[in-house]
C-alpha cells in the first residue's frame, strides 16, 4: 500500500449552532490523494529543516527558525473548549476506521472555513492545517470560472475545492510546528468573543497590576481591546502569565527608554497616564 493511500482530507469550521459538526471528511480520488501526500511531505521536510524554538503566541520565528509546542495542551493557549480546536481536529482526522464522508451538498453548503490533510511521512503521522476556506475565491459571484476543452472555453458548473501548497500548522506525531503564528491565532480563537469580554479583561488587568492607571487610560485600554482581538489576547496573557503584582509605575517608567519611548510617555509621576487619554471615549 502506498503512503498516499493513508492520506485523509477533512474540512472544518466553527459551528454556528449547537449540534452542528465542526468537521467533515471528504473522499478524494487516488490521483488527488497522491498530490495531497506530496504537499504534506514537502511541508514536513520544510518544518523539520528549521531550528526549533519554544512556542509562545507573542513570538515570531526568524527565517531559519520554527516555533514548536507539544500537541497535548496546545489548545490551552487559545480556547480549549472550542469545538474546532487543533487537538480536536487532529484527534478527529487520526481516528481509526473509515469515516463517513460528506455528500456533495455537504461540501458545497457547509460554510467550511479551514481544512486539514493527514498522511504518513517516513513512518510518522503528519497533519497539516490551513486556516483558509478551501473554496475561497472559487465561487465568487464576480467571477466566471471556465476550463479549456479542446480549443474552446467551457463553463465549470461543478463546485471547486482548492488546497494550498502551504500550511499554517503542521503536526508531526505529537509535536506542533507553528508556521504562521498570527494566522493560527486568528483561526483558533473566537475574535468576537474576545472583544466582547474586553470590559472584564481590563478590569482584571487593572486589579492585578500594581501600578495605578488613570481612569481615562483604563477606558482607552478597554476601547482598544474591544476593537482589536490581538491586543485583547495579549492583555489576557499578561493577566495569566505576567507577574503583574510586581509591576510598579516606577518600573514601567524606568523601562521606557529600552522600549524606545520617551520617559514622559505615561506621565512623569503618579498614576500611569497614556498619551491616548485624550481619545479615550468609547
C-alpha atoms as a PDB file:
ATOM      1  CA  UNK A   1       0.000   0.000   0.000  1.00  0.00           C
ATOM      2  CA  UNK A   2       1.457   3.369  -1.000  1.00  0.00           C
ATOM      3  CA  UNK A   3       1.825   6.171   1.530  1.00  0.00           C
ATOM      4  CA  UNK A   4      -0.734   8.271  -0.320  1.00  0.00           C
ATOM      5  CA  UNK A   5      -3.396   5.636   0.421  1.00  0.00           C
ATOM      6  CA  UNK A   6      -3.181   6.678   4.067  1.00  0.00           C
ATOM      7  CA  UNK A   7      -3.911  10.284   3.156  1.00  0.00           C
ATOM      8  CA  UNK A   8      -7.105  11.740   4.566  1.00  0.00           C
ATOM      9  CA  UNK A   9      -8.718  15.109   3.987  1.00  0.00           C
ATOM     10  CA  UNK A  10     -11.050  16.909   6.376  1.00  0.00           C
ATOM     11  CA  UNK A  11     -12.935  20.181   6.113  1.00  0.00           C
ATOM     12  CA  UNK A  12     -13.532  22.177   9.272  1.00  0.00           C
ATOM     13  CA  UNK A  13     -15.496  25.148  10.596  1.00  0.00           C
ATOM     14  CA  UNK A  14     -16.702  26.951  13.677  1.00  0.00           C
ATOM     15  CA  UNK A  15     -20.170  25.510  14.330  1.00  0.00           C
ATOM     16  CA  UNK A  16     -22.813  28.232  14.124  1.00  0.00           C
ATOM     17  CA  UNK A  17     -25.218  26.377  16.408  1.00  0.00           C
ATOM     18  CA  UNK A  18     -25.333  23.591  18.969  1.00  0.00           C
ATOM     19  CA  UNK A  19     -25.335  20.152  17.400  1.00  0.00           C
ATOM     20  CA  UNK A  20     -23.597  21.259  14.202  1.00  0.00           C
ATOM     21  CA  UNK A  21     -20.460  19.224  13.464  1.00  0.00           C
ATOM     22  CA  UNK A  22     -17.139  21.066  13.384  1.00  0.00           C
ATOM     23  CA  UNK A  23     -15.519  18.585  10.990  1.00  0.00           C
ATOM     24  CA  UNK A  24     -16.437  16.763   7.803  1.00  0.00           C
ATOM     25  CA  UNK A  25     -14.374  14.155   5.977  1.00  0.00           C
ATOM     26  CA  UNK A  26     -14.186  14.197   2.186  1.00  0.00           C
ATOM     27  CA  UNK A  27     -13.391  11.406  -0.231  1.00  0.00           C
ATOM     28  CA  UNK A  28     -10.529  12.149  -2.617  1.00  0.00           C
ATOM     29  CA  UNK A  29      -9.673  10.162  -5.739  1.00  0.00           C
ATOM     30  CA  UNK A  30      -6.348   8.310  -5.792  1.00  0.00           C
ATOM     31  CA  UNK A  31      -4.648  10.868  -8.034  1.00  0.00           C
ATOM     32  CA  UNK A  32      -5.743  13.653  -5.702  1.00  0.00           C
ATOM     33  CA  UNK A  33      -4.524  11.769  -2.634  1.00  0.00           C
ATOM     34  CA  UNK A  34      -1.119  11.406  -4.265  1.00  0.00           C
ATOM     35  CA  UNK A  35      -0.901  15.161  -4.842  1.00  0.00           C
ATOM     36  CA  UNK A  36      -2.005  15.911  -1.282  1.00  0.00           C
ATOM     37  CA  UNK A  37       0.533  13.429   0.077  1.00  0.00           C
ATOM     38  CA  UNK A  38       3.279  15.276  -1.808  1.00  0.00           C
ATOM     39  CA  UNK A  39       2.141  18.573  -0.277  1.00  0.00           C
ATOM     40  CA  UNK A  40       2.250  17.117   3.235  1.00  0.00           C
ATOM     41  CA  UNK A  41       5.658  15.564   2.598  1.00  0.00           C
ATOM     42  CA  UNK A  42       7.175  18.849   1.446  1.00  0.00           C
ATOM     43  CA  UNK A  43       5.697  20.725   4.401  1.00  0.00           C
ATOM     44  CA  UNK A  44       7.085  18.156   6.825  1.00  0.00           C
ATOM     45  CA  UNK A  45      10.556  18.461   5.275  1.00  0.00           C
ATOM     46  CA  UNK A  46      10.323  22.257   5.380  1.00  0.00           C
ATOM     47  CA  UNK A  47       9.240  22.296   9.035  1.00  0.00           C
ATOM     48  CA  UNK A  48      11.852  19.842  10.275  1.00  0.00           C
ATOM     49  CA  UNK A  49      14.663  21.644   8.441  1.00  0.00           C
ATOM     50  CA  UNK A  50      14.316  24.658  10.743  1.00  0.00           C
ATOM     51  CA  UNK A  51      15.845  25.328  14.144  1.00  0.00           C
ATOM     52  CA  UNK A  52      13.163  24.679  16.750  1.00  0.00           C
ATOM     53  CA  UNK A  53      12.177  27.477  19.152  1.00  0.00           C
ATOM     54  CA  UNK A  54       9.702  27.056  22.006  1.00  0.00           C
ATOM     55  CA  UNK A  55       6.315  28.427  21.006  1.00  0.00           C
ATOM     56  CA  UNK A  56       4.679  31.469  22.546  1.00  0.00           C
ATOM     57  CA  UNK A  57       1.749  33.291  20.889  1.00  0.00           C
ATOM     58  CA  UNK A  58       3.527  36.649  21.045  1.00  0.00           C
ATOM     59  CA  UNK A  59       6.665  35.392  19.297  1.00  0.00           C
ATOM     60  CA  UNK A  60       7.622  35.277  15.641  1.00  0.00           C
ATOM     61  CA  UNK A  61      10.323  32.972  14.326  1.00  0.00           C
ATOM     62  CA  UNK A  62      13.329  34.089  12.295  1.00  0.00           C
ATOM     63  CA  UNK A  63      13.697  32.819   8.743  1.00  0.00           C
ATOM     64  CA  UNK A  64      15.707  29.758   9.797  1.00  0.00           C
ATOM     65  CA  UNK A  65      13.547  29.007  12.857  1.00  0.00           C
ATOM     66  CA  UNK A  66      10.174  27.445  13.552  1.00  0.00           C
ATOM     67  CA  UNK A  67       8.037  27.717  16.686  1.00  0.00           C
ATOM     68  CA  UNK A  68       7.175  24.331  18.220  1.00  0.00           C
ATOM     69  CA  UNK A  69       4.998  23.060  21.059  1.00  0.00           C
ATOM     70  CA  UNK A  70       3.648  19.743  22.321  1.00  0.00           C
ATOM     71  CA  UNK A  71       0.287  18.819  20.832  1.00  0.00           C
ATOM     72  CA  UNK A  72      -1.069  17.875  24.239  1.00  0.00           C
ATOM     73  CA  UNK A  73      -2.131  21.075  25.950  1.00  0.00           C
ATOM     74  CA  UNK A  74      -1.781  23.225  22.814  1.00  0.00           C
ATOM     75  CA  UNK A  75      -5.457  24.197  22.984  1.00  0.00           C
ATOM     76  CA  UNK A  76      -4.876  25.873  26.348  1.00  0.00           C
ATOM     77  CA  UNK A  77      -3.121  28.737  24.521  1.00  0.00           C
ATOM     78  CA  UNK A  78      -6.388  29.543  22.800  1.00  0.00           C
ATOM     79  CA  UNK A  79      -9.893  28.242  23.611  1.00  0.00           C
ATOM     80  CA  UNK A  80      -9.517  24.733  24.989  1.00  0.00           C
ATOM     81  CA  UNK A  81     -13.272  24.120  24.892  1.00  0.00           C
ATOM     82  CA  UNK A  82     -13.712  25.205  21.273  1.00  0.00           C
ATOM     83  CA  UNK A  83     -15.248  22.516  19.079  1.00  0.00           C
ATOM     84  CA  UNK A  84     -12.831  23.435  16.258  1.00  0.00           C
ATOM     85  CA  UNK A  85      -9.635  23.343  18.364  1.00  0.00           C
ATOM     86  CA  UNK A  86      -6.400  21.928  16.984  1.00  0.00           C
ATOM     87  CA  UNK A  87      -6.256  18.980  19.368  1.00  0.00           C
ATOM     88  CA  UNK A  88      -9.821  18.007  18.467  1.00  0.00           C
ATOM     89  CA  UNK A  89      -9.115  18.380  14.742  1.00  0.00           C
ATOM     90  CA  UNK A  90      -6.041  16.155  14.926  1.00  0.00           C
ATOM     91  CA  UNK A  91      -7.882  13.560  17.020  1.00  0.00           C
ATOM     92  CA  UNK A  92     -10.733  13.515  14.506  1.00  0.00           C
ATOM     93  CA  UNK A  93      -8.596  13.117  11.386  1.00  0.00           C
ATOM     94  CA  UNK A  94      -6.439  10.460  13.064  1.00  0.00           C
ATOM     95  CA  UNK A  95      -9.391   8.407  14.320  1.00  0.00           C
ATOM     96  CA  UNK A  96      -9.235   4.730  13.397  1.00  0.00           C
ATOM     97  CA  UNK A  97     -11.678   3.183  10.975  1.00  0.00           C
ATOM     98  CA  UNK A  98     -13.187   4.532   7.787  1.00  0.00           C
ATOM     99  CA  UNK A  99     -15.015   7.797   8.453  1.00  0.00           C
ATOM    100  CA  UNK A 100     -18.328   8.726   6.897  1.00  0.00           C
ATOM    101  CA  UNK A 101     -17.740  11.280   4.152  1.00  0.00           C
ATOM    102  CA  UNK A 102     -19.636  14.406   3.209  1.00  0.00           C
ATOM    103  CA  UNK A 103     -22.104  14.435   0.362  1.00  0.00           C
ATOM    104  CA  UNK A 104     -21.722  16.897  -2.485  1.00  0.00           C
ATOM    105  CA  UNK A 105     -24.292  19.175  -0.817  1.00  0.00           C
ATOM    106  CA  UNK A 106     -22.460  18.901   2.483  1.00  0.00           C
ATOM    107  CA  UNK A 107     -19.211  20.007   0.862  1.00  0.00           C
ATOM    108  CA  UNK A 108     -20.739  22.896  -1.048  1.00  0.00           C
ATOM    109  CA  UNK A 109     -23.089  24.238   1.611  1.00  0.00           C
ATOM    110  CA  UNK A 110     -21.072  23.567   4.747  1.00  0.00           C
ATOM    111  CA  UNK A 111     -19.507  27.019   5.203  1.00  0.00           C
ATOM    112  CA  UNK A 112     -16.142  25.339   5.780  1.00  0.00           C
ATOM    113  CA  UNK A 113     -13.517  27.860   6.871  1.00  0.00           C
ATOM    114  CA  UNK A 114     -10.347  25.744   7.115  1.00  0.00           C
ATOM    115  CA  UNK A 115      -9.101  22.259   6.343  1.00  0.00           C
ATOM    116  CA  UNK A 116      -6.654  19.561   7.404  1.00  0.00           C
ATOM    117  CA  UNK A 117      -4.796  16.873   5.464  1.00  0.00           C
ATOM    118  CA  UNK A 118      -3.213  13.825   7.089  1.00  0.00           C
ATOM    119  CA  UNK A 119      -0.599  11.480   5.634  1.00  0.00           C
ATOM    120  CA  UNK A 120       2.159   9.135   6.724  1.00  0.00           C
ATOM    121  CA  UNK A 121       5.598  10.627   6.012  1.00  0.00           C
ATOM    122  CA  UNK A 122       8.606   8.449   6.708  1.00  0.00           C
ATOM    123  CA  UNK A 123       6.534   6.357   9.096  1.00  0.00           C
ATOM    124  CA  UNK A 124       5.405   9.442  11.029  1.00  0.00           C
ATOM    125  CA  UNK A 125       1.790  10.547  11.273  1.00  0.00           C
ATOM    126  CA  UNK A 126       1.626  14.115   9.919  1.00  0.00           C
ATOM    127  CA  UNK A 127      -1.299  16.533   9.772  1.00  0.00           C
ATOM    128  CA  UNK A 128      -1.197  19.921   8.056  1.00  0.00           C
ATOM    129  CA  UNK A 129      -3.766  22.616   8.791  1.00  0.00           C
ATOM    130  CA  UNK A 130      -4.543  25.594   6.590  1.00  0.00           C
ATOM    131  CA  UNK A 131      -6.561  28.476   8.038  1.00  0.00           C
ATOM    132  CA  UNK A 132      -8.367  29.168   4.785  1.00  0.00           C
ATOM    133  CA  UNK A 133     -11.640  28.155   3.217  1.00  0.00           C
ATOM    134  CA  UNK A 134     -10.957  25.501   0.548  1.00  0.00           C
ATOM    135  CA  UNK A 135     -13.445  27.259  -1.725  1.00  0.00           C
ATOM    136  CA  UNK A 136     -12.021  30.754  -1.184  1.00  0.00           C
ATOM    137  CA  UNK A 137     -12.118  32.749  -4.399  1.00  0.00           C
ATOM    138  CA  UNK A 138     -13.632  29.866  -6.351  1.00  0.00           C
ATOM    139  CA  UNK A 139     -17.317  30.646  -6.048  1.00  0.00           C
ATOM    140  CA  UNK A 140     -17.346  34.407  -6.143  1.00  0.00           C
ATOM    141  CA  UNK A 141     -20.377  35.882  -7.940  1.00  0.00           C
ATOM    142  CA  UNK A 142     -17.973  38.341  -9.539  1.00  0.00           C
ATOM    143  CA  UNK A 143     -16.135  35.561 -11.381  1.00  0.00           C
ATOM    144  CA  UNK A 144     -16.982  33.209 -14.222  1.00  0.00           C
ATOM    145  CA  UNK A 145     -14.907  30.034 -13.939  1.00  0.00           C
ATOM    146  CA  UNK A 146     -14.137  28.219 -17.184  1.00  0.00           C
ATOM    147  CA  UNK A 147     -11.926  25.364 -18.360  1.00  0.00           C
ATOM    148  CA  UNK A 148     -10.190  24.706 -21.666  1.00  0.00           C
ATOM    149  CA  UNK A 149     -11.800  21.873 -23.615  1.00  0.00           C
ATOM    150  CA  UNK A 150     -10.113  21.388 -26.966  1.00  0.00           C
ATOM    151  CA  UNK A 151      -9.836  24.866 -28.393  1.00  0.00           C
ATOM    152  CA  UNK A 152     -12.693  26.484 -26.507  1.00  0.00           C
ATOM    153  CA  UNK A 153     -13.566  27.562 -23.002  1.00  0.00           C
ATOM    154  CA  UNK A 154     -16.464  25.859 -21.274  1.00  0.00           C
ATOM    155  CA  UNK A 155     -18.226  26.946 -18.137  1.00  0.00           C
ATOM    156  CA  UNK A 156     -17.338  24.991 -14.999  1.00  0.00           C
ATOM    157  CA  UNK A 157     -20.628  24.206 -13.309  1.00  0.00           C
ATOM    158  CA  UNK A 158     -19.298  21.839 -10.671  1.00  0.00           C
ATOM    159  CA  UNK A 159     -18.209  23.356  -7.335  1.00  0.00           C
ATOM    160  CA  UNK A 160     -14.435  23.696  -6.944  1.00  0.00           C
ATOM    161  CA  UNK A 161     -12.245  22.955  -3.931  1.00  0.00           C
ATOM    162  CA  UNK A 162      -8.584  24.003  -3.774  1.00  0.00           C
ATOM    163  CA  UNK A 163      -5.716  23.035  -1.466  1.00  0.00           C
ATOM    164  CA  UNK A 164      -2.745  25.330  -0.942  1.00  0.00           C
ATOM    165  CA  UNK A 165       0.824  24.119  -1.067  1.00  0.00           C
ATOM    166  CA  UNK A 166       1.296  25.928   2.231  1.00  0.00           C
ATOM    167  CA  UNK A 167       0.120  25.417   5.796  1.00  0.00           C
ATOM    168  CA  UNK A 168      -0.186  27.412   8.999  1.00  0.00           C
ATOM    169  CA  UNK A 169       0.231  24.488  11.394  1.00  0.00           C
ATOM    170  CA  UNK A 170       1.990  21.162  10.886  1.00  0.00           C
ATOM    171  CA  UNK A 171       1.597  18.374  13.433  1.00  0.00           C
ATOM    172  CA  UNK A 172       4.171  15.578  13.264  1.00  0.00           C
ATOM    173  CA  UNK A 173       3.334  12.769  15.687  1.00  0.00           C
ATOM    174  CA  UNK A 174       2.791  14.735  18.914  1.00  0.00           C
ATOM    175  CA  UNK A 175       4.630  17.953  18.089  1.00  0.00           C
ATOM    176  CA  UNK A 176       3.101  21.111  16.620  1.00  0.00           C
ATOM    177  CA  UNK A 177       5.102  23.272  14.206  1.00  0.00           C
ATOM    178  CA  UNK A 178       3.541  26.741  14.079  1.00  0.00           C
ATOM    179  CA  UNK A 179       4.479  28.126  10.663  1.00  0.00           C
ATOM    180  CA  UNK A 180       2.275  31.224  10.800  1.00  0.00           C
ATOM    181  CA  UNK A 181       1.537  32.229  14.406  1.00  0.00           C
ATOM    182  CA  UNK A 182      -0.758  35.122  13.514  1.00  0.00           C
ATOM    183  CA  UNK A 183      -2.968  33.080  11.196  1.00  0.00           C
ATOM    184  CA  UNK A 184      -3.032  30.258  13.740  1.00  0.00           C
ATOM    185  CA  UNK A 185      -4.148  32.697  16.427  1.00  0.00           C
ATOM    186  CA  UNK A 186      -6.963  34.069  14.277  1.00  0.00           C
ATOM    187  CA  UNK A 187      -8.091  30.545  13.445  1.00  0.00           C
ATOM    188  CA  UNK A 188      -8.108  29.091  16.939  1.00  0.00           C
ATOM    189  CA  UNK A 189      -9.792  31.923  18.843  1.00  0.00           C
ATOM    190  CA  UNK A 190     -13.217  33.472  18.556  1.00  0.00           C
ATOM    191  CA  UNK A 191     -12.217  37.100  17.963  1.00  0.00           C
ATOM    192  CA  UNK A 192     -15.727  38.432  18.547  1.00  0.00           C
ATOM    193  CA  UNK A 193     -15.926  36.696  21.919  1.00  0.00           C
ATOM    194  CA  UNK A 194     -12.513  38.060  22.895  1.00  0.00           C
ATOM    195  CA  UNK A 195     -13.565  41.621  22.050  1.00  0.00           C
ATOM    196  CA  UNK A 196     -16.900  41.264  23.834  1.00  0.00           C
ATOM    197  CA  UNK A 197     -15.195  40.423  27.129  1.00  0.00           C
ATOM    198  CA  UNK A 198     -12.907  43.474  26.952  1.00  0.00           C
ATOM    199  CA  UNK A 199     -14.526  45.154  29.955  1.00  0.00           C
ATOM    200  CA  UNK A 200     -13.970  42.098  32.167  1.00  0.00           C
ATOM    201  CA  UNK A 201     -10.433  41.624  30.822  1.00  0.00           C
ATOM    202  CA  UNK A 202      -9.374  45.202  31.519  1.00  0.00           C
ATOM    203  CA  UNK A 203     -10.989  45.194  34.964  1.00  0.00           C
ATOM    204  CA  UNK A 204      -8.897  42.136  35.857  1.00  0.00           C
ATOM    205  CA  UNK A 205      -5.778  43.738  34.361  1.00  0.00           C
ATOM    206  CA  UNK A 206      -6.285  46.884  36.441  1.00  0.00           C
ATOM    207  CA  UNK A 207      -6.882  44.851  39.591  1.00  0.00           C
ATOM    208  CA  UNK A 208      -3.757  42.700  39.194  1.00  0.00           C
ATOM    209  CA  UNK A 209      -1.406  45.473  38.046  1.00  0.00           C
ATOM    210  CA  UNK A 210       0.368  47.102  40.991  1.00  0.00           C
ATOM    211  CA  UNK A 211       0.963  50.301  39.032  1.00  0.00           C
ATOM    212  CA  UNK A 212      -2.099  52.591  39.227  1.00  0.00           C
ATOM    213  CA  UNK A 213      -3.750  53.713  35.991  1.00  0.00           C
ATOM    214  CA  UNK A 214      -5.734  56.865  35.403  1.00  0.00           C
ATOM    215  CA  UNK A 215      -9.415  56.417  34.634  1.00  0.00           C
ATOM    216  CA  UNK A 216      -9.112  57.624  31.039  1.00  0.00           C
ATOM    217  CA  UNK A 217      -6.187  55.258  30.471  1.00  0.00           C
ATOM    218  CA  UNK A 218      -8.255  52.288  31.667  1.00  0.00           C
ATOM    219  CA  UNK A 219     -11.011  53.427  29.305  1.00  0.00           C
ATOM    220  CA  UNK A 220      -8.527  53.720  26.443  1.00  0.00           C
ATOM    221  CA  UNK A 221      -7.213  50.187  27.038  1.00  0.00           C
ATOM    222  CA  UNK A 222     -10.755  48.859  27.163  1.00  0.00           C
ATOM    223  CA  UNK A 223     -11.642  50.598  23.932  1.00  0.00           C
ATOM    224  CA  UNK A 224      -8.594  49.144  22.201  1.00  0.00           C
ATOM    225  CA  UNK A 225      -9.317  45.627  23.482  1.00  0.00           C
ATOM    226  CA  UNK A 226     -12.936  45.865  22.381  1.00  0.00           C
ATOM    227  CA  UNK A 227     -11.833  46.647  18.821  1.00  0.00           C
ATOM    228  CA  UNK A 228      -8.626  44.608  18.444  1.00  0.00           C
ATOM    229  CA  UNK A 229      -8.713  40.924  19.419  1.00  0.00           C
ATOM    230  CA  UNK A 230      -4.922  40.535  19.106  1.00  0.00           C
ATOM    231  CA  UNK A 231      -4.303  43.277  21.669  1.00  0.00           C
ATOM    232  CA  UNK A 232      -7.019  41.877  23.932  1.00  0.00           C
ATOM    233  CA  UNK A 233      -5.393  38.444  23.777  1.00  0.00           C
ATOM    234  CA  UNK A 234      -2.028  39.929  24.767  1.00  0.00           C
ATOM    235  CA  UNK A 235      -3.654  41.600  27.767  1.00  0.00           C
ATOM    236  CA  UNK A 236      -5.281  38.290  28.700  1.00  0.00           C
ATOM    237  CA  UNK A 237      -1.901  36.547  28.538  1.00  0.00           C
ATOM    238  CA  UNK A 238      -0.347  39.251  30.713  1.00  0.00           C
ATOM    239  CA  UNK A 239      -3.042  38.603  33.281  1.00  0.00           C
ATOM    240  CA  UNK A 240      -2.428  34.861  33.122  1.00  0.00           C
ATOM    241  CA  UNK A 241       1.350  34.666  32.709  1.00  0.00           C
ATOM    242  CA  UNK A 242       2.733  38.039  33.780  1.00  0.00           C
ATOM    243  CA  UNK A 243       3.688  38.780  37.369  1.00  0.00           C
ATOM    244  CA  UNK A 244       1.654  41.989  37.346  1.00  0.00           C
ATOM    245  CA  UNK A 245       1.715  42.355  41.128  1.00  0.00           C
ATOM    246  CA  UNK A 246       5.395  43.334  40.823  1.00  0.00           C
ATOM    247  CA  UNK A 247       4.885  45.885  38.037  1.00  0.00           C
ATOM    248  CA  UNK A 248       5.045  49.325  39.624  1.00  0.00           C
ATOM    249  CA  UNK A 249       4.745  52.725  37.970  1.00  0.00           C
ATOM    250  CA  UNK A 250       8.419  53.454  38.643  1.00  0.00           C
ATOM    251  CA  UNK A 251       9.499  50.186  36.979  1.00  0.00           C
ATOM    252  CA  UNK A 252       7.388  50.955  33.931  1.00  0.00           C
ATOM    253  CA  UNK A 253       8.847  54.435  33.590  1.00  0.00           C
ATOM    254  CA  UNK A 254      12.380  53.113  34.064  1.00  0.00           C
ATOM    255  CA  UNK A 255      11.855  50.622  31.244  1.00  0.00           C
ATOM    256  CA  UNK A 256      10.502  53.136  28.726  1.00  0.00           C
ATOM    257  CA  UNK A 257      13.893  54.076  27.180  1.00  0.00           C
ATOM    258  CA  UNK A 258      14.607  50.387  26.488  1.00  0.00           C
ATOM    259  CA  UNK A 259      11.333  50.269  24.550  1.00  0.00           C
ATOM    260  CA  UNK A 260      12.292  53.330  22.537  1.00  0.00           C
ATOM    261  CA  UNK A 261       9.705  55.528  24.262  1.00  0.00           C
ATOM    262  CA  UNK A 262      10.184  58.903  25.955  1.00  0.00           C
ATOM    263  CA  UNK A 263      10.349  58.851  29.738  1.00  0.00           C
ATOM    264  CA  UNK A 264       7.218  61.001  29.875  1.00  0.00           C
ATOM    265  CA  UNK A 265       5.117  58.617  27.747  1.00  0.00           C
ATOM    266  CA  UNK A 266       2.996  57.700  30.777  1.00  0.00           C
ATOM    267  CA  UNK A 267       3.370  60.940  32.714  1.00  0.00           C
ATOM    268  CA  UNK A 268       6.318  61.917  34.851  1.00  0.00           C
ATOM    269  CA  UNK A 269       4.796  60.898  38.195  1.00  0.00           C
ATOM    270  CA  UNK A 270       1.737  59.425  39.854  1.00  0.00           C
ATOM    271  CA  UNK A 271      -0.641  57.035  38.093  1.00  0.00           C
ATOM    272  CA  UNK A 272       0.300  55.889  34.603  1.00  0.00           C
ATOM    273  CA  UNK A 273      -1.371  58.143  32.065  1.00  0.00           C
ATOM    274  CA  UNK A 274      -1.283  57.031  28.424  1.00  0.00           C
ATOM    275  CA  UNK A 275      -0.810  59.551  25.639  1.00  0.00           C
ATOM    276  CA  UNK A 276      -4.101  58.290  24.210  1.00  0.00           C
ATOM    277  CA  UNK A 277      -6.101  59.615  27.170  1.00  0.00           C
ATOM    278  CA  UNK A 278      -7.476  62.452  25.097  1.00  0.00           C
ATOM    279  CA  UNK A 279      -9.035  59.907  22.698  1.00  0.00           C
ATOM    280  CA  UNK A 280     -10.344  57.548  25.338  1.00  0.00           C
ATOM    281  CA  UNK A 281     -14.109  57.961  24.970  1.00  0.00           C
ATOM    282  CA  UNK A 282     -15.811  54.696  23.944  1.00  0.00           C
END
